[in-house]
């Protein structure tokens, strides 16, 4: 059985899905700390020295086995020279970022000459985009479509 198939089957189990959802914040923290530490070329002992803790605590944090306090996470972020942010939001949040792209054309004035493109970004990447008119004609560029 392939690993992906195993995970797919495992995630159908309600108990596993609940446990995975509960552990996700800790695993996200673990992955972030590990990534930032490695980017600096530091050992766990070096990060621990800068945080003022033991190497074992950094190991537990990076393995998702710690339940860190906000104060500890602030100290880790400061040592890693990064910001510490906490966000609350609805489940399955999809971020939408709008990008406005305008082309001015001197061809037939009755045709649309601008467009607005919005892109939807998910955790996995860009999900897609839609294009809609931004204005009606070059003679009236501020009228909404």
C-alpha atoms as a PDB file:
ATOM      1  CA  UNK A   1       0.000   0.000   0.000  1.00  0.00           C
ATOM      2  CA  UNK A   2       1.317   3.446  -0.911  1.00  0.00           C
ATOM      3  CA  UNK A   3       1.861   5.989   1.847  1.00  0.00           C
ATOM      4  CA  UNK A   4      -0.672   8.380   0.279  1.00  0.00           C
ATOM      5  CA  UNK A   5      -3.302   5.627   0.150  1.00  0.00           C
ATOM      6  CA  UNK A   6      -2.595   4.721   3.762  1.00  0.00           C
ATOM      7  CA  UNK A   7      -3.051   8.354   4.856  1.00  0.00           C
ATOM      8  CA  UNK A   8      -6.251   8.662   2.817  1.00  0.00           C
ATOM      9  CA  UNK A   9      -7.671   5.569   4.492  1.00  0.00           C
ATOM     10  CA  UNK A  10      -6.475   6.699   7.915  1.00  0.00           C
ATOM     11  CA  UNK A  11      -8.061  10.139   7.533  1.00  0.00           C
ATOM     12  CA  UNK A  12     -11.460   8.515   6.964  1.00  0.00           C
ATOM     13  CA  UNK A  13     -11.353   7.370  10.580  1.00  0.00           C
ATOM     14  CA  UNK A  14     -13.185  10.071  12.605  1.00  0.00           C
ATOM     15  CA  UNK A  15     -10.955   9.564  15.660  1.00  0.00           C
ATOM     16  CA  UNK A  16      -7.799  10.060  13.599  1.00  0.00           C
ATOM     17  CA  UNK A  17      -9.217  13.136  11.864  1.00  0.00           C
ATOM     18  CA  UNK A  18     -10.093  14.696  15.225  1.00  0.00           C
ATOM     19  CA  UNK A  19      -6.645  13.952  16.673  1.00  0.00           C
ATOM     20  CA  UNK A  20      -4.928  15.285  13.539  1.00  0.00           C
ATOM     21  CA  UNK A  21      -6.942  18.520  13.703  1.00  0.00           C
ATOM     22  CA  UNK A  22      -6.077  18.978  17.381  1.00  0.00           C
ATOM     23  CA  UNK A  23      -2.354  18.413  16.775  1.00  0.00           C
ATOM     24  CA  UNK A  24      -2.101  20.587  13.661  1.00  0.00           C
ATOM     25  CA  UNK A  25      -1.281  23.864  15.484  1.00  0.00           C
ATOM     26  CA  UNK A  26       1.546  22.198  17.428  1.00  0.00           C
ATOM     27  CA  UNK A  27       2.905  20.546  14.293  1.00  0.00           C
ATOM     28  CA  UNK A  28       2.749  23.855  12.409  1.00  0.00           C
ATOM     29  CA  UNK A  29       4.776  25.481  15.198  1.00  0.00           C
ATOM     30  CA  UNK A  30       7.226  22.563  15.170  1.00  0.00           C
ATOM     31  CA  UNK A  31       7.762  22.786  11.413  1.00  0.00           C
ATOM     32  CA  UNK A  32       8.167  26.565  11.505  1.00  0.00           C
ATOM     33  CA  UNK A  33      10.740  26.517  14.313  1.00  0.00           C
ATOM     34  CA  UNK A  34      12.677  23.697  12.650  1.00  0.00           C
ATOM     35  CA  UNK A  35      12.676  25.451   9.263  1.00  0.00           C
ATOM     36  CA  UNK A  36      13.812  28.783  10.735  1.00  0.00           C
ATOM     37  CA  UNK A  37      16.516  27.165  12.877  1.00  0.00           C
ATOM     38  CA  UNK A  38      17.938  25.203   9.944  1.00  0.00           C
ATOM     39  CA  UNK A  39      17.858  28.309   7.731  1.00  0.00           C
ATOM     40  CA  UNK A  40      20.167  29.991  10.258  1.00  0.00           C
ATOM     41  CA  UNK A  41      22.432  26.932  10.354  1.00  0.00           C
ATOM     42  CA  UNK A  42      21.980  26.537  14.099  1.00  0.00           C
ATOM     43  CA  UNK A  43      21.913  23.356  16.149  1.00  0.00           C
ATOM     44  CA  UNK A  44      19.160  22.750  18.675  1.00  0.00           C
ATOM     45  CA  UNK A  45      21.735  23.478  21.385  1.00  0.00           C
ATOM     46  CA  UNK A  46      22.525  26.874  19.831  1.00  0.00           C
ATOM     47  CA  UNK A  47      18.851  27.833  19.648  1.00  0.00           C
ATOM     48  CA  UNK A  48      18.361  26.626  23.233  1.00  0.00           C
ATOM     49  CA  UNK A  49      21.283  28.799  24.392  1.00  0.00           C
ATOM     50  CA  UNK A  50      19.775  31.863  22.682  1.00  0.00           C
ATOM     51  CA  UNK A  51      16.308  31.148  24.124  1.00  0.00           C
ATOM     52  CA  UNK A  52      17.638  30.421  27.610  1.00  0.00           C
ATOM     53  CA  UNK A  53      16.364  26.861  27.840  1.00  0.00           C
ATOM     54  CA  UNK A  54      17.645  23.300  27.501  1.00  0.00           C
ATOM     55  CA  UNK A  55      18.246  21.558  24.161  1.00  0.00           C
ATOM     56  CA  UNK A  56      15.698  18.895  25.165  1.00  0.00           C
ATOM     57  CA  UNK A  57      12.961  21.561  25.230  1.00  0.00           C
ATOM     58  CA  UNK A  58      13.826  22.655  21.680  1.00  0.00           C
ATOM     59  CA  UNK A  59      13.800  19.003  20.587  1.00  0.00           C
ATOM     60  CA  UNK A  60      10.340  18.477  22.091  1.00  0.00           C
ATOM     61  CA  UNK A  61       9.095  21.667  20.445  1.00  0.00           C
ATOM     62  CA  UNK A  62      10.412  20.643  17.012  1.00  0.00           C
ATOM     63  CA  UNK A  63       8.919  17.168  17.345  1.00  0.00           C
ATOM     64  CA  UNK A  64       5.462  18.448  18.265  1.00  0.00           C
ATOM     65  CA  UNK A  65       5.717  16.919  21.737  1.00  0.00           C
ATOM     66  CA  UNK A  66       5.698  20.176  23.700  1.00  0.00           C
ATOM     67  CA  UNK A  67       2.769  22.295  24.771  1.00  0.00           C
ATOM     68  CA  UNK A  68       4.624  25.618  24.782  1.00  0.00           C
ATOM     69  CA  UNK A  69       3.504  28.745  26.588  1.00  0.00           C
ATOM     70  CA  UNK A  70       3.032  32.014  24.737  1.00  0.00           C
ATOM     71  CA  UNK A  71       6.015  33.438  26.636  1.00  0.00           C
ATOM     72  CA  UNK A  72       8.236  30.560  25.502  1.00  0.00           C
ATOM     73  CA  UNK A  73       7.140  30.990  21.878  1.00  0.00           C
ATOM     74  CA  UNK A  74       7.884  34.730  22.101  1.00  0.00           C
ATOM     75  CA  UNK A  75      11.395  33.945  23.348  1.00  0.00           C
ATOM     76  CA  UNK A  76      11.919  31.415  20.545  1.00  0.00           C
ATOM     77  CA  UNK A  77      10.709  33.921  17.944  1.00  0.00           C
ATOM     78  CA  UNK A  78      12.993  36.624  19.348  1.00  0.00           C
ATOM     79  CA  UNK A  79      15.977  34.244  19.275  1.00  0.00           C
ATOM     80  CA  UNK A  80      15.151  33.352  15.659  1.00  0.00           C
ATOM     81  CA  UNK A  81      14.862  37.078  14.842  1.00  0.00           C
ATOM     82  CA  UNK A  82      11.296  36.755  13.614  1.00  0.00           C
ATOM     83  CA  UNK A  83       7.835  37.951  14.610  1.00  0.00           C
ATOM     84  CA  UNK A  84       5.461  35.951  16.779  1.00  0.00           C
ATOM     85  CA  UNK A  85       1.841  36.142  15.586  1.00  0.00           C
ATOM     86  CA  UNK A  86      -1.281  34.296  16.652  1.00  0.00           C
ATOM     87  CA  UNK A  87      -4.285  34.192  14.348  1.00  0.00           C
ATOM     88  CA  UNK A  88      -7.814  33.028  14.968  1.00  0.00           C
ATOM     89  CA  UNK A  89     -10.199  32.480  12.091  1.00  0.00           C
ATOM     90  CA  UNK A  90     -12.941  30.301  10.713  1.00  0.00           C
ATOM     91  CA  UNK A  91     -12.153  26.733   9.829  1.00  0.00           C
ATOM     92  CA  UNK A  92     -11.218  26.091   6.203  1.00  0.00           C
ATOM     93  CA  UNK A  93     -10.336  29.737   5.674  1.00  0.00           C
ATOM     94  CA  UNK A  94      -9.549  30.606   2.075  1.00  0.00           C
ATOM     95  CA  UNK A  95      -7.594  33.782   1.522  1.00  0.00           C
ATOM     96  CA  UNK A  96      -8.672  35.868  -1.430  1.00  0.00           C
ATOM     97  CA  UNK A  97      -6.302  38.388  -2.843  1.00  0.00           C
ATOM     98  CA  UNK A  98      -7.466  40.725  -5.580  1.00  0.00           C
ATOM     99  CA  UNK A  99      -5.132  41.884  -8.281  1.00  0.00           C
ATOM    100  CA  UNK A 100      -6.281  44.620 -10.620  1.00  0.00           C
ATOM    101  CA  UNK A 101      -4.952  44.449 -14.141  1.00  0.00           C
ATOM    102  CA  UNK A 102      -5.935  47.203 -16.557  1.00  0.00           C
ATOM    103  CA  UNK A 103      -5.162  47.307 -20.261  1.00  0.00           C
ATOM    104  CA  UNK A 104      -5.915  50.430 -22.262  1.00  0.00           C
ATOM    105  CA  UNK A 105      -6.833  49.710 -25.845  1.00  0.00           C
ATOM    106  CA  UNK A 106      -7.476  52.243 -28.552  1.00  0.00           C
ATOM    107  CA  UNK A 107      -9.557  49.940 -30.709  1.00  0.00           C
ATOM    108  CA  UNK A 108     -13.340  50.047 -30.923  1.00  0.00           C
ATOM    109  CA  UNK A 109     -14.699  52.196 -28.056  1.00  0.00           C
ATOM    110  CA  UNK A 110     -17.796  50.062 -27.599  1.00  0.00           C
ATOM    111  CA  UNK A 111     -15.646  47.145 -26.425  1.00  0.00           C
ATOM    112  CA  UNK A 112     -14.482  46.671 -22.874  1.00  0.00           C
ATOM    113  CA  UNK A 113     -10.999  47.957 -22.244  1.00  0.00           C
ATOM    114  CA  UNK A 114     -10.191  46.829 -18.721  1.00  0.00           C
ATOM    115  CA  UNK A 115     -10.414  43.764 -16.637  1.00  0.00           C
ATOM    116  CA  UNK A 116     -10.233  42.875 -12.999  1.00  0.00           C
ATOM    117  CA  UNK A 117      -8.703  39.594 -11.995  1.00  0.00           C
ATOM    118  CA  UNK A 118      -9.110  38.005  -8.587  1.00  0.00           C
ATOM    119  CA  UNK A 119      -7.085  35.022  -7.516  1.00  0.00           C
ATOM    120  CA  UNK A 120      -7.936  32.631  -4.739  1.00  0.00           C
ATOM    121  CA  UNK A 121      -5.045  31.358  -2.666  1.00  0.00           C
ATOM    122  CA  UNK A 122      -5.291  28.281  -0.504  1.00  0.00           C
ATOM    123  CA  UNK A 123      -2.692  26.648   1.695  1.00  0.00           C
ATOM    124  CA  UNK A 124      -1.736  24.413  -1.228  1.00  0.00           C
ATOM    125  CA  UNK A 125      -1.228  27.257  -3.709  1.00  0.00           C
ATOM    126  CA  UNK A 126      -3.295  29.208  -6.182  1.00  0.00           C
ATOM    127  CA  UNK A 127      -6.706  27.641  -6.743  1.00  0.00           C
ATOM    128  CA  UNK A 128      -7.698  29.671  -9.797  1.00  0.00           C
ATOM    129  CA  UNK A 129      -8.760  33.047 -11.028  1.00  0.00           C
ATOM    130  CA  UNK A 130     -11.716  34.812 -12.580  1.00  0.00           C
ATOM    131  CA  UNK A 131     -11.755  37.776 -14.943  1.00  0.00           C
ATOM    132  CA  UNK A 132     -14.513  40.377 -14.975  1.00  0.00           C
ATOM    133  CA  UNK A 133     -14.915  43.772 -16.646  1.00  0.00           C
ATOM    134  CA  UNK A 134     -13.539  46.680 -14.634  1.00  0.00           C
ATOM    135  CA  UNK A 135     -15.259  49.452 -16.613  1.00  0.00           C
ATOM    136  CA  UNK A 136     -17.573  49.843 -19.556  1.00  0.00           C
ATOM    137  CA  UNK A 137     -15.841  51.995 -22.166  1.00  0.00           C
ATOM    138  CA  UNK A 138     -12.794  54.231 -22.459  1.00  0.00           C
ATOM    139  CA  UNK A 139     -15.172  57.216 -22.560  1.00  0.00           C
ATOM    140  CA  UNK A 140     -16.507  56.372 -19.094  1.00  0.00           C
ATOM    141  CA  UNK A 141     -13.642  54.661 -17.230  1.00  0.00           C
ATOM    142  CA  UNK A 142     -15.069  55.111 -13.712  1.00  0.00           C
ATOM    143  CA  UNK A 143     -18.478  53.568 -14.270  1.00  0.00           C
ATOM    144  CA  UNK A 144     -18.768  50.155 -12.653  1.00  0.00           C
ATOM    145  CA  UNK A 145     -19.457  47.213 -14.886  1.00  0.00           C
END
